[in-house]
């Protein structure tokens, strides 16, 4: 359909849509997909939903890359690591294969999400941002996990004494470094290849797990 005809249809059939959307990491609307011990809310992060409602934004939920790559909602490919001290000497080749596999899956997901973003832009809507999750090895925008350090910490866990607070403090917060998660890195590249300018923003997972309200996302105003 030519742009002029689409514009005519929009004018003739004008409805209540705001024309602005926000892409968000899957677990921000559904924390049931988080790693065990990583859900600070029963369902969605209400502050993000409320901010989108206040601003009249549509919410586009991206797939969870870890669910797709690491064995479903339960991440069954990674659960054997917990408490397995021999993994401290895991063969470098096996670790390399796991990284290559993860990057391949994440690359495919990133290309699909970037295509969706391009579709919105091509259709005349504004994508105001993409929201990732801080301290995530996949969806971190400014902070991520140093994976080798995280794996070693997981291998040291004593399952008989493990608790949520200790796990998040020593394994998650203790492995946080500056940088992008693997999926966000792939998504940024996929968006850039399409010549689209979309801000990437970060939800503070560590603050959420500490029980603090989510800070405003810092979304740009309409047309800015």
Protein backbone atom coordinates (compact mmCIF):
# COMPACT_ATOMS: atom_id res chain seq x y z
CA UNK A 1 0.00 0.00 0.00
CA UNK A 2 1.40 3.37 -1.02
CA UNK A 3 2.17 5.83 1.71
CA UNK A 4 -0.32 8.38 0.44
CA UNK A 5 -3.19 5.88 0.56
CA UNK A 6 -2.17 4.76 4.05
CA UNK A 7 -2.10 8.38 5.16
CA UNK A 8 -5.58 8.86 3.75
CA UNK A 9 -6.86 5.80 5.57
CA UNK A 10 -5.35 7.00 8.81
CA UNK A 11 -7.01 10.35 8.44
CA UNK A 12 -10.39 8.91 7.47
CA UNK A 13 -10.31 6.18 10.12
CA UNK A 14 -8.56 8.12 12.86
CA UNK A 15 -8.76 6.23 16.15
CA UNK A 16 -7.33 6.43 19.64
CA UNK A 17 -3.87 4.98 19.06
CA UNK A 18 -1.02 7.16 20.23
CA UNK A 19 1.48 6.14 17.56
CA UNK A 20 4.32 5.53 20.07
CA UNK A 21 5.60 2.17 21.33
CA UNK A 22 8.23 0.90 23.74
CA UNK A 23 10.04 -2.42 23.33
CA UNK A 24 10.79 -4.10 26.66
CA UNK A 25 12.63 -7.19 27.86
CA UNK A 26 10.25 -10.10 28.33
CA UNK A 27 10.71 -10.42 32.10
CA UNK A 28 9.67 -6.82 32.74
CA UNK A 29 6.12 -7.89 31.93
CA UNK A 30 6.45 -11.49 33.10
CA UNK A 31 8.89 -12.18 35.91
CA UNK A 32 7.95 -15.86 35.90
CA UNK A 33 10.61 -16.33 33.23
CA UNK A 34 13.44 -14.99 35.44
CA UNK A 35 16.20 -17.16 36.89
CA UNK A 36 15.30 -18.80 40.20
CA UNK A 37 15.62 -16.19 42.95
CA UNK A 38 15.53 -13.28 40.50
CA UNK A 39 11.87 -12.26 40.60
CA UNK A 40 11.25 -9.17 42.70
CA UNK A 41 7.57 -8.97 41.68
CA UNK A 42 4.75 -11.46 41.33
CA UNK A 43 4.15 -10.57 37.68
CA UNK A 44 5.10 -7.38 35.85
CA UNK A 45 7.19 -4.41 36.95
CA UNK A 46 4.19 -2.18 37.66
CA UNK A 47 6.15 1.08 37.50
CA UNK A 48 7.09 0.44 33.87
CA UNK A 49 3.52 -0.48 32.95
CA UNK A 50 2.22 2.61 34.77
CA UNK A 51 4.73 4.90 33.05
CA UNK A 52 3.71 3.55 29.66
CA UNK A 53 0.04 4.01 30.52
CA UNK A 54 0.68 7.58 31.66
CA UNK A 55 2.55 8.40 28.46
CA UNK A 56 0.11 6.59 26.18
CA UNK A 57 2.71 4.10 24.95
CA UNK A 58 2.09 0.71 23.45
CA UNK A 59 4.27 -2.02 24.97
CA UNK A 60 6.03 -4.55 22.74
CA UNK A 61 7.32 -7.53 24.72
CA UNK A 62 10.50 -8.98 23.25
CA UNK A 63 11.19 -12.74 23.48
CA UNK A 64 13.30 -13.89 26.41
CA UNK A 65 16.61 -14.91 24.79
CA UNK A 66 17.61 -17.11 27.73
CA UNK A 67 14.32 -19.01 27.57
CA UNK A 68 14.90 -19.64 23.86
CA UNK A 69 18.59 -20.56 24.14
CA UNK A 70 19.07 -22.08 27.58
CA UNK A 71 16.34 -24.68 27.84
CA UNK A 72 12.96 -23.03 28.28
CA UNK A 73 11.50 -21.16 31.22
CA UNK A 74 13.41 -23.35 33.71
CA UNK A 75 16.77 -22.80 31.89
CA UNK A 76 17.38 -26.53 32.17
CA UNK A 77 20.67 -26.30 30.23
CA UNK A 78 22.19 -24.20 33.01
CA UNK A 79 20.72 -25.78 36.15
CA UNK A 80 23.35 -28.57 36.26
CA UNK A 81 26.00 -25.91 36.94
CA UNK A 82 24.62 -25.09 40.40
CA UNK A 83 26.74 -26.68 43.11
CA UNK A 84 28.95 -28.61 40.68
CA UNK A 85 32.41 -27.78 41.94
CA UNK A 86 34.16 -29.83 39.22
CA UNK A 87 32.92 -27.23 36.73
CA UNK A 88 35.70 -25.00 37.96
CA UNK A 89 37.90 -26.94 35.56
CA UNK A 90 35.41 -27.16 32.69
CA UNK A 91 37.11 -27.60 29.34
CA UNK A 92 37.67 -24.26 27.59
CA UNK A 93 36.43 -25.81 24.36
CA UNK A 94 33.04 -26.68 25.84
CA UNK A 95 32.66 -23.18 27.24
CA UNK A 96 33.55 -21.74 23.83
CA UNK A 97 30.94 -23.92 22.11
CA UNK A 98 28.28 -22.79 24.58
CA UNK A 99 29.13 -19.14 23.89
CA UNK A 100 29.02 -19.67 20.12
CA UNK A 101 25.67 -21.44 20.38
CA UNK A 102 24.24 -18.67 22.58
CA UNK A 103 25.43 -15.93 20.23
CA UNK A 104 23.91 -17.74 17.24
CA UNK A 105 20.49 -18.04 18.90
CA UNK A 106 20.64 -14.47 20.21
CA UNK A 107 21.60 -13.19 16.77
CA UNK A 108 18.50 -14.73 15.21
CA UNK A 109 16.24 -13.29 17.90
CA UNK A 110 17.89 -9.86 17.60
CA UNK A 111 17.36 -9.83 13.83
CA UNK A 112 13.67 -10.63 14.31
CA UNK A 113 13.19 -7.90 16.95
CA UNK A 114 15.07 -5.37 14.80
CA UNK A 115 12.75 -6.25 11.90
CA UNK A 116 9.74 -5.58 14.13
CA UNK A 117 11.20 -2.23 15.17
CA UNK A 118 11.81 -1.34 11.52
CA UNK A 119 8.24 -2.32 10.68
CA UNK A 120 6.86 0.12 13.26
CA UNK A 121 9.13 2.89 12.00
CA UNK A 122 8.31 2.17 8.36
CA UNK A 123 4.61 2.29 9.25
CA UNK A 124 4.98 5.80 10.59
CA UNK A 125 5.02 5.04 14.31
CA UNK A 126 7.64 6.11 16.83
CA UNK A 127 9.68 3.55 18.75
CA UNK A 128 10.63 5.59 21.80
CA UNK A 129 13.10 3.08 23.21
CA UNK A 130 14.18 -0.45 24.02
CA UNK A 131 14.37 -1.36 27.72
CA UNK A 132 16.81 -4.02 28.87
CA UNK A 133 17.58 -5.35 32.33
CA UNK A 134 20.69 -4.37 34.24
CA UNK A 135 22.97 -7.11 35.61
CA UNK A 136 21.66 -9.52 32.99
CA UNK A 137 24.19 -11.53 30.97
CA UNK A 138 21.80 -11.22 28.04
CA UNK A 139 19.72 -8.05 28.35
CA UNK A 140 21.99 -5.67 30.25
CA UNK A 141 22.43 -2.29 28.56
CA UNK A 142 24.95 -0.59 30.87
CA UNK A 143 25.69 -3.44 33.29
CA UNK A 144 26.00 -7.17 32.73
CA UNK A 145 27.55 -10.23 34.34
CA UNK A 146 31.10 -11.42 33.87
CA UNK A 147 30.11 -14.91 32.77
CA UNK A 148 33.19 -16.87 33.75
CA UNK A 149 33.00 -15.35 37.23
CA UNK A 150 29.28 -16.16 37.41
CA UNK A 151 29.83 -19.77 36.37
CA UNK A 152 32.52 -20.22 39.00
CA UNK A 153 30.23 -18.70 41.64
CA UNK A 154 27.40 -21.04 40.62
CA UNK A 155 29.72 -24.01 40.87
CA UNK A 156 30.66 -23.02 44.43
CA UNK A 157 27.03 -22.85 45.60
CA UNK A 158 26.13 -25.30 48.34
CA UNK A 159 22.58 -26.33 47.49
CA UNK A 160 21.89 -27.51 51.04
CA UNK A 161 22.44 -24.01 52.47
CA UNK A 162 21.61 -21.83 49.45
CA UNK A 163 19.11 -19.00 49.96
CA UNK A 164 17.81 -16.25 47.72
CA UNK A 165 19.44 -13.28 49.49
CA UNK A 166 22.90 -14.86 49.56
CA UNK A 167 22.60 -16.03 45.96
CA UNK A 168 21.69 -12.60 44.61
CA UNK A 169 24.38 -10.89 46.68
CA UNK A 170 27.28 -13.24 46.02
CA UNK A 171 26.53 -14.70 42.59
CA UNK A 172 24.59 -11.93 40.80
CA UNK A 173 25.63 -8.63 42.41
CA UNK A 174 29.12 -10.06 42.96
CA UNK A 175 29.59 -10.67 39.23
CA UNK A 176 28.25 -7.36 37.84
CA UNK A 177 30.53 -5.44 35.49
CA UNK A 178 30.05 -2.50 33.15
CA UNK A 179 29.06 -3.49 29.63
CA UNK A 180 26.32 -4.89 27.41
CA UNK A 181 24.69 -8.29 27.62
CA UNK A 182 25.08 -10.64 24.67
CA UNK A 183 21.54 -10.15 23.37
CA UNK A 184 21.59 -6.36 23.70
CA UNK A 185 24.89 -6.26 21.84
CA UNK A 186 23.39 -8.30 19.00
CA UNK A 187 20.23 -6.19 18.99
CA UNK A 188 22.13 -2.91 18.91
CA UNK A 189 24.08 -4.15 15.88
CA UNK A 190 20.92 -5.38 14.14
CA UNK A 191 19.17 -2.03 14.71
CA UNK A 192 22.22 -0.10 13.52
CA UNK A 193 22.39 -2.14 10.30
CA UNK A 194 18.87 -0.96 9.54
CA UNK A 195 19.85 2.68 10.05
CA UNK A 196 17.40 3.24 12.90
CA UNK A 197 18.06 5.43 15.93
CA UNK A 198 16.41 3.95 19.01
CA UNK A 199 17.56 4.68 22.59
CA UNK A 200 18.49 1.66 24.68
CA UNK A 201 17.51 2.04 28.34
CA UNK A 202 18.10 -0.12 31.41
CA UNK A 203 15.90 -1.29 34.26
CA UNK A 204 17.85 -1.60 37.53
CA UNK A 205 17.52 -5.24 38.56
CA UNK A 206 19.72 -4.92 41.65
CA UNK A 207 17.52 -2.09 42.96
CA UNK A 208 14.41 -4.16 42.25
CA UNK A 209 15.78 -7.13 44.18
CA UNK A 210 16.52 -4.77 47.07
CA UNK A 211 12.85 -3.82 47.18
CA UNK A 212 13.29 -0.29 45.82
CA UNK A 213 10.79 1.12 43.31
CA UNK A 214 11.92 1.22 39.71
CA UNK A 215 13.27 4.63 38.68
CA UNK A 216 11.61 6.43 35.73
CA UNK A 217 13.01 5.21 32.43
CA UNK A 218 14.00 8.65 31.15
CA UNK A 219 11.96 8.32 27.98
CA UNK A 220 12.16 11.09 25.45
CA UNK A 221 9.08 13.20 24.85
CA UNK A 222 6.98 12.89 21.74
CA UNK A 223 8.71 14.27 18.68
CA UNK A 224 12.03 14.92 20.46
